[in-house]
Amino acid sequence: MSDTLPRVAVLSREPETLPRNGVSQFSSLDALLAEPAFDVLLLDLPSADAGQALRRLRRSEAYYFSLIYCTQEPDAWGLALADGRGV
């Protein structure tokens, strides 16, 4: 069993909206995509913004098959592209 924890990131417009124990937070999608890929993403964004972010993330080779969860009620894109509701 590996001692390495999964790398988790949150994309949020509001700073410190979720618990952050070992979690990286980003306020822009460009900043998130500039970093090496994370294992799990939480999108803490309004549904329309999360849907747009998901469309861009799923086009990225780094996040095509990654676990991505929406923390708020997803729109149609969120339902289609996210892996469910998180936190």
N, C-alpha and C. Protein backbone atom coordinates (compact mmCIF):
# COMPACT_ATOMS: atom_id res chain seq x y z
N MET A 1 0.84 -1.19 0.00
CA MET A 1 0.00 0.00 0.00
C MET A 1 0.88 1.25 0.00
N SER A 2 0.53 2.21 -0.78
CA SER A 2 1.32 3.42 -0.92
C SER A 2 1.06 4.38 0.24
N ASP A 3 2.12 5.07 0.66
CA ASP A 3 1.99 6.08 1.70
C ASP A 3 1.66 7.45 1.11
N THR A 4 1.60 7.54 -0.19
CA THR A 4 1.33 8.80 -0.86
C THR A 4 -0.17 9.06 -0.88
N LEU A 5 -0.56 10.21 -0.35
CA LEU A 5 -1.96 10.60 -0.37
C LEU A 5 -2.32 11.16 -1.74
N PRO A 6 -3.58 11.06 -2.13
CA PRO A 6 -3.96 11.68 -3.41
C PRO A 6 -3.83 13.19 -3.31
N ARG A 7 -3.44 13.79 -4.41
CA ARG A 7 -3.37 15.25 -4.47
C ARG A 7 -4.75 15.78 -4.80
N VAL A 8 -5.25 16.67 -3.94
CA VAL A 8 -6.61 17.20 -4.06
C VAL A 8 -6.53 18.72 -4.21
N ALA A 9 -7.37 19.24 -5.10
CA ALA A 9 -7.45 20.69 -5.31
C ALA A 9 -8.91 21.13 -5.33
N VAL A 10 -9.12 22.37 -4.93
CA VAL A 10 -10.44 22.99 -4.97
C VAL A 10 -10.34 24.22 -5.86
N LEU A 11 -11.30 24.35 -6.77
CA LEU A 11 -11.43 25.56 -7.58
C LEU A 11 -12.63 26.31 -7.03
N SER A 12 -12.39 27.50 -6.49
CA SER A 12 -13.45 28.26 -5.82
C SER A 12 -13.24 29.74 -6.02
N ARG A 13 -14.31 30.48 -6.14
CA ARG A 13 -14.22 31.94 -6.22
C ARG A 13 -14.07 32.55 -4.83
N GLU A 14 -14.54 31.83 -3.81
CA GLU A 14 -14.48 32.30 -2.42
C GLU A 14 -13.32 31.62 -1.70
N PRO A 15 -12.41 32.38 -1.11
CA PRO A 15 -11.31 31.75 -0.38
C PRO A 15 -11.79 31.04 0.87
N GLU A 16 -11.16 29.92 1.14
CA GLU A 16 -11.41 29.16 2.38
C GLU A 16 -12.88 28.81 2.61
N THR A 17 -13.54 28.28 1.58
CA THR A 17 -14.94 27.90 1.75
C THR A 17 -15.10 26.46 2.20
N LEU A 18 -14.06 25.66 2.05
CA LEU A 18 -14.11 24.25 2.43
C LEU A 18 -12.90 23.91 3.30
N PRO A 19 -12.98 22.82 4.07
CA PRO A 19 -11.81 22.41 4.86
C PRO A 19 -10.60 22.21 3.94
N ARG A 20 -9.41 22.58 4.41
CA ARG A 20 -8.24 22.57 3.55
C ARG A 20 -7.10 21.69 4.01
N ASN A 21 -7.31 20.72 4.82
CA ASN A 21 -6.22 19.87 5.29
C ASN A 21 -5.52 19.20 4.12
N GLY A 22 -4.37 19.74 3.72
CA GLY A 22 -3.60 19.17 2.62
C GLY A 22 -4.20 19.38 1.25
N VAL A 23 -5.16 20.29 1.13
CA VAL A 23 -5.84 20.54 -0.14
C VAL A 23 -5.35 21.87 -0.71
N SER A 24 -5.02 21.88 -1.99
CA SER A 24 -4.61 23.11 -2.67
C SER A 24 -5.84 23.84 -3.17
N GLN A 25 -5.84 25.16 -3.04
CA GLN A 25 -6.98 25.95 -3.49
C GLN A 25 -6.57 26.88 -4.62
N PHE A 26 -7.46 27.02 -5.60
CA PHE A 26 -7.23 27.89 -6.74
C PHE A 26 -8.47 28.76 -6.95
N SER A 27 -8.24 30.01 -7.36
CA SER A 27 -9.36 30.90 -7.63
C SER A 27 -9.58 31.09 -9.13
N SER A 28 -8.70 30.50 -9.94
CA SER A 28 -8.90 30.57 -11.40
C SER A 28 -8.55 29.24 -12.04
N LEU A 29 -9.25 28.92 -13.09
CA LEU A 29 -9.00 27.68 -13.81
C LEU A 29 -7.62 27.71 -14.47
N ASP A 30 -7.22 28.86 -14.97
CA ASP A 30 -5.89 28.97 -15.59
C ASP A 30 -4.78 28.63 -14.60
N ALA A 31 -4.91 29.12 -13.36
CA ALA A 31 -3.91 28.82 -12.33
C ALA A 31 -3.88 27.33 -12.01
N LEU A 32 -5.04 26.71 -11.94
CA LEU A 32 -5.12 25.27 -11.69
C LEU A 32 -4.45 24.49 -12.81
N LEU A 33 -4.74 24.85 -14.05
CA LEU A 33 -4.19 24.13 -15.19
C LEU A 33 -2.69 24.36 -15.37
N ALA A 34 -2.16 25.40 -14.76
CA ALA A 34 -0.73 25.68 -14.84
C ALA A 34 0.09 24.76 -13.93
N GLU A 35 -0.57 24.09 -12.99
CA GLU A 35 0.08 23.18 -12.04
C GLU A 35 0.06 21.75 -12.59
N PRO A 36 0.94 20.88 -12.08
CA PRO A 36 0.84 19.46 -12.43
C PRO A 36 -0.55 18.94 -12.03
N ALA A 37 -1.04 17.97 -12.76
CA ALA A 37 -2.40 17.46 -12.55
C ALA A 37 -2.61 16.94 -11.13
N PHE A 38 -3.78 17.21 -10.60
CA PHE A 38 -4.20 16.71 -9.29
C PHE A 38 -4.98 15.42 -9.50
N ASP A 39 -5.06 14.60 -8.45
CA ASP A 39 -5.79 13.33 -8.54
C ASP A 39 -7.30 13.54 -8.44
N VAL A 40 -7.71 14.51 -7.62
CA VAL A 40 -9.12 14.78 -7.37
C VAL A 40 -9.33 16.29 -7.39
N LEU A 41 -10.41 16.73 -8.05
CA LEU A 41 -10.78 18.14 -8.07
C LEU A 41 -12.16 18.33 -7.48
N LEU A 42 -12.32 19.39 -6.70
CA LEU A 42 -13.63 19.82 -6.21
C LEU A 42 -13.90 21.18 -6.83
N LEU A 43 -15.03 21.31 -7.50
CA LEU A 43 -15.41 22.59 -8.09
C LEU A 43 -16.45 23.23 -7.18
N ASP A 44 -16.03 24.22 -6.42
CA ASP A 44 -16.93 24.94 -5.52
C ASP A 44 -17.32 26.25 -6.20
N LEU A 45 -18.11 26.11 -7.25
CA LEU A 45 -18.51 27.23 -8.10
C LEU A 45 -20.01 27.17 -8.34
N PRO A 46 -20.62 28.32 -8.68
CA PRO A 46 -22.02 28.27 -9.11
C PRO A 46 -22.17 27.30 -10.28
N SER A 47 -23.33 26.72 -10.43
CA SER A 47 -23.53 25.63 -11.39
C SER A 47 -23.11 25.97 -12.82
N ALA A 48 -23.44 27.15 -13.32
CA ALA A 48 -23.06 27.51 -14.69
C ALA A 48 -21.54 27.62 -14.83
N ASP A 49 -20.89 28.20 -13.83
CA ASP A 49 -19.43 28.33 -13.87
C ASP A 49 -18.76 26.97 -13.77
N ALA A 50 -19.29 26.10 -12.93
CA ALA A 50 -18.74 24.75 -12.80
C ALA A 50 -18.90 23.99 -14.10
N GLY A 51 -20.05 24.15 -14.75
CA GLY A 51 -20.27 23.49 -16.04
C GLY A 51 -19.27 23.93 -17.09
N GLN A 52 -18.99 25.24 -17.15
CA GLN A 52 -18.00 25.75 -18.10
C GLN A 52 -16.60 25.23 -17.76
N ALA A 53 -16.27 25.21 -16.47
CA ALA A 53 -14.96 24.70 -16.05
C ALA A 53 -14.83 23.23 -16.41
N LEU A 54 -15.88 22.47 -16.20
CA LEU A 54 -15.86 21.03 -16.54
C LEU A 54 -15.63 20.82 -18.02
N ARG A 55 -16.27 21.60 -18.85
CA ARG A 55 -16.09 21.46 -20.29
C ARG A 55 -14.62 21.66 -20.67
N ARG A 56 -13.99 22.64 -20.06
CA ARG A 56 -12.58 22.90 -20.36
C ARG A 56 -11.68 21.82 -19.75
N LEU A 57 -11.96 21.41 -18.52
CA LEU A 57 -11.15 20.39 -17.87
C LEU A 57 -11.21 19.06 -18.61
N ARG A 58 -12.38 18.65 -19.03
CA ARG A 58 -12.51 17.36 -19.71
C ARG A 58 -11.86 17.37 -21.09
N ARG A 59 -11.61 18.55 -21.66
CA ARG A 59 -10.87 18.63 -22.92
C ARG A 59 -9.37 18.53 -22.70
N SER A 60 -8.94 18.77 -21.46
CA SER A 60 -7.52 18.72 -21.11
C SER A 60 -7.11 17.26 -20.89
N GLU A 61 -6.01 16.88 -21.51
CA GLU A 61 -5.53 15.50 -21.37
C GLU A 61 -5.28 15.15 -19.90
N ALA A 62 -4.84 16.11 -19.12
CA ALA A 62 -4.53 15.87 -17.70
C ALA A 62 -5.77 15.51 -16.89
N TYR A 63 -6.94 15.99 -17.29
CA TYR A 63 -8.16 15.79 -16.50
C TYR A 63 -9.26 15.03 -17.24
N TYR A 64 -8.92 14.42 -18.35
CA TYR A 64 -9.92 13.71 -19.14
C TYR A 64 -10.61 12.60 -18.33
N PHE A 65 -9.81 11.86 -17.55
CA PHE A 65 -10.36 10.75 -16.77
C PHE A 65 -10.25 10.97 -15.26
N SER A 66 -9.94 12.16 -14.82
CA SER A 66 -9.77 12.44 -13.39
C SER A 66 -11.10 12.50 -12.67
N LEU A 67 -11.03 12.33 -11.35
CA LEU A 67 -12.22 12.48 -10.51
C LEU A 67 -12.46 13.97 -10.28
N ILE A 68 -13.64 14.44 -10.71
CA ILE A 68 -14.01 15.85 -10.55
C ILE A 68 -15.42 15.89 -9.98
N TYR A 69 -15.56 16.56 -8.85
CA TYR A 69 -16.85 16.65 -8.16
C TYR A 69 -17.29 18.11 -8.06
N CYS A 70 -18.60 18.34 -8.13
CA CYS A 70 -19.18 19.66 -7.92
C CYS A 70 -19.72 19.72 -6.48
N THR A 71 -19.42 20.80 -5.77
CA THR A 71 -19.91 20.92 -4.40
C THR A 71 -21.29 21.57 -4.36
N GLN A 72 -21.68 22.22 -5.43
CA GLN A 72 -22.99 22.86 -5.51
C GLN A 72 -23.84 22.11 -6.53
N GLU A 73 -25.12 22.40 -6.54
CA GLU A 73 -26.04 21.73 -7.46
C GLU A 73 -25.56 21.91 -8.89
N PRO A 74 -25.30 20.82 -9.62
CA PRO A 74 -24.76 20.94 -10.98
C PRO A 74 -25.82 21.31 -12.01
N ASP A 75 -25.37 21.99 -13.07
CA ASP A 75 -26.25 22.24 -14.22
C ASP A 75 -26.18 21.02 -15.14
N ALA A 76 -26.72 21.12 -16.34
CA ALA A 76 -26.73 19.97 -17.26
C ALA A 76 -25.31 19.51 -17.60
N TRP A 77 -24.39 20.46 -17.81
CA TRP A 77 -23.00 20.08 -18.09
C TRP A 77 -22.39 19.38 -16.89
N GLY A 78 -22.69 19.87 -15.70
CA GLY A 78 -22.18 19.25 -14.49
C GLY A 78 -22.69 17.83 -14.32
N LEU A 79 -23.96 17.63 -14.61
CA LEU A 79 -24.53 16.28 -14.53
C LEU A 79 -23.86 15.34 -15.52
N ALA A 80 -23.55 15.86 -16.70
CA ALA A 80 -22.96 15.03 -17.74
C ALA A 80 -21.47 14.76 -17.54
N LEU A 81 -20.74 15.73 -17.01
CA LEU A 81 -19.28 15.65 -17.00
C LEU A 81 -18.63 15.43 -15.64
N ALA A 82 -19.36 15.71 -14.57
CA ALA A 82 -18.78 15.54 -13.23
C ALA A 82 -18.97 14.11 -12.75
N ASP A 83 -18.24 13.76 -11.71
CA ASP A 83 -18.36 12.43 -11.11
C ASP A 83 -19.32 12.42 -9.93
N GLY A 84 -20.11 13.48 -9.79
CA GLY A 84 -21.11 13.55 -8.73
C GLY A 84 -20.91 14.76 -7.86
N ARG A 85 -21.63 14.75 -6.74
CA ARG A 85 -21.54 15.84 -5.76
C ARG A 85 -20.47 15.51 -4.74
N GLY A 86 -19.70 16.50 -4.35
CA GLY A 86 -18.67 16.33 -3.34
C GLY A 86 -18.89 17.25 -2.17
N VAL A 87 -18.32 16.89 -1.06
CA VAL A 87 -18.38 17.63 0.20
C VAL A 87 -19.69 18.29 0.37
